[in-house]
């Protein structure tokens, strides 16, 4: 299994907070949009994707509207202690843009 840490910004009205969540993925798979949505829902943030290029999500909740903006994705493997940063995010974005 690989750990995937998603750093994101919660934007609600006049405030914003930097948060993060953790996913566990099979070591041969990169995170997908559905993984992000599921992780956010588990944190109590039901969302839908609104900007595929910049990975921005809007709230589905009927209460106070909010946005989630993924700022960084760290993926690490079993054998490696240091996370992979920009190359992983770039690979995800290129995959999404090609679709």
Protein backbone atom coordinates (compact mmCIF):
# COMPACT_ATOMS: atom_id res chain seq x y z
CA UNK A 1 0.00 0.00 0.00
CA UNK A 2 1.03 3.58 -0.66
CA UNK A 3 0.15 6.63 1.38
CA UNK A 4 -1.27 9.62 -0.41
CA UNK A 5 -1.51 12.88 1.53
CA UNK A 6 -3.79 15.47 -0.04
CA UNK A 7 -3.16 19.05 1.04
CA UNK A 8 -6.09 21.32 0.32
CA UNK A 9 -7.57 24.69 1.11
CA UNK A 10 -11.10 24.96 2.52
CA UNK A 11 -12.62 28.25 1.35
CA UNK A 12 -15.84 29.33 3.05
CA UNK A 13 -17.19 32.90 2.81
CA UNK A 14 -14.40 35.17 4.11
CA UNK A 15 -12.24 32.46 5.67
CA UNK A 16 -9.85 29.83 4.40
CA UNK A 17 -8.00 27.01 6.16
CA UNK A 18 -5.25 24.72 5.03
CA UNK A 19 -6.15 21.07 5.73
CA UNK A 20 -5.01 17.62 4.67
CA UNK A 21 -6.32 14.11 4.43
CA UNK A 22 -4.74 10.69 3.99
CA UNK A 23 -5.56 7.97 1.46
CA UNK A 24 -4.16 4.47 1.16
CA UNK A 25 -3.79 3.20 -2.40
CA UNK A 26 -2.49 0.01 -3.97
CA UNK A 27 1.15 0.59 -4.88
CA UNK A 28 0.47 0.24 -8.61
CA UNK A 29 -2.25 2.92 -8.68
CA UNK A 30 -2.28 6.71 -8.58
CA UNK A 31 -5.10 8.67 -6.90
CA UNK A 32 -8.14 9.47 -9.03
CA UNK A 33 -10.88 12.07 -8.76
CA UNK A 34 -13.20 9.51 -7.15
CA UNK A 35 -10.57 8.92 -4.43
CA UNK A 36 -10.45 12.65 -3.65
CA UNK A 37 -14.25 12.92 -3.52
CA UNK A 38 -14.51 9.88 -1.22
CA UNK A 39 -11.79 11.23 1.11
CA UNK A 40 -13.52 14.62 1.32
CA UNK A 41 -16.90 12.98 2.01
CA UNK A 42 -15.35 10.95 4.83
CA UNK A 43 -14.21 14.25 6.36
CA UNK A 44 -17.76 15.63 6.13
CA UNK A 45 -17.26 17.65 2.95
CA UNK A 46 -19.56 16.30 0.21
CA UNK A 47 -18.28 17.81 -3.05
CA UNK A 48 -18.36 17.70 -6.84
CA UNK A 49 -15.49 18.52 -9.19
CA UNK A 50 -15.86 21.91 -10.90
CA UNK A 51 -12.35 22.57 -12.26
CA UNK A 52 -10.49 19.50 -13.46
CA UNK A 53 -7.27 21.34 -14.35
CA UNK A 54 -6.84 23.00 -10.97
CA UNK A 55 -8.57 20.28 -8.91
CA UNK A 56 -11.20 22.57 -7.36
CA UNK A 57 -14.36 21.15 -5.84
CA UNK A 58 -17.67 22.81 -4.86
CA UNK A 59 -19.87 21.79 -1.96
CA UNK A 60 -22.99 19.69 -2.43
CA UNK A 61 -24.16 20.50 1.10
CA UNK A 62 -27.27 22.65 1.43
CA UNK A 63 -25.75 24.65 4.31
CA UNK A 64 -22.93 27.14 3.96
CA UNK A 65 -21.35 26.78 0.51
CA UNK A 66 -17.62 26.10 0.35
CA UNK A 67 -14.85 25.23 -2.11
CA UNK A 68 -11.98 22.81 -1.71
CA UNK A 69 -8.80 23.51 -3.65
CA UNK A 70 -6.13 20.78 -3.76
CA UNK A 71 -2.77 22.50 -3.36
CA UNK A 72 -0.37 19.55 -3.12
CA UNK A 73 -0.42 15.76 -3.40
CA UNK A 74 2.24 13.61 -1.76
CA UNK A 75 2.49 9.95 -2.70
CA UNK A 76 4.95 7.65 -0.98
CA UNK A 77 5.71 3.99 -1.52
CA UNK A 78 6.45 1.14 0.87
CA UNK A 79 10.19 1.16 0.23
CA UNK A 80 10.64 4.91 0.10
CA UNK A 81 10.34 7.26 3.06
CA UNK A 82 10.44 10.50 1.14
CA UNK A 83 7.28 11.53 -0.70
CA UNK A 84 7.05 12.26 -4.42
CA UNK A 85 5.77 15.79 -4.93
CA UNK A 86 5.33 17.68 -8.19
CA UNK A 87 5.90 14.77 -10.56
CA UNK A 88 2.96 12.88 -9.09
CA UNK A 89 0.64 15.88 -9.32
CA UNK A 90 1.81 16.57 -12.86
CA UNK A 91 1.13 12.96 -13.90
CA UNK A 92 -2.40 13.14 -12.46
CA UNK A 93 -3.11 16.45 -14.19
CA UNK A 94 -1.77 15.24 -17.54
CA UNK A 95 -3.93 12.13 -17.27
CA UNK A 96 -7.01 14.22 -16.52
CA UNK A 97 -6.31 16.76 -19.27
CA UNK A 98 -5.95 14.02 -21.91
CA UNK A 99 -9.46 12.77 -21.12
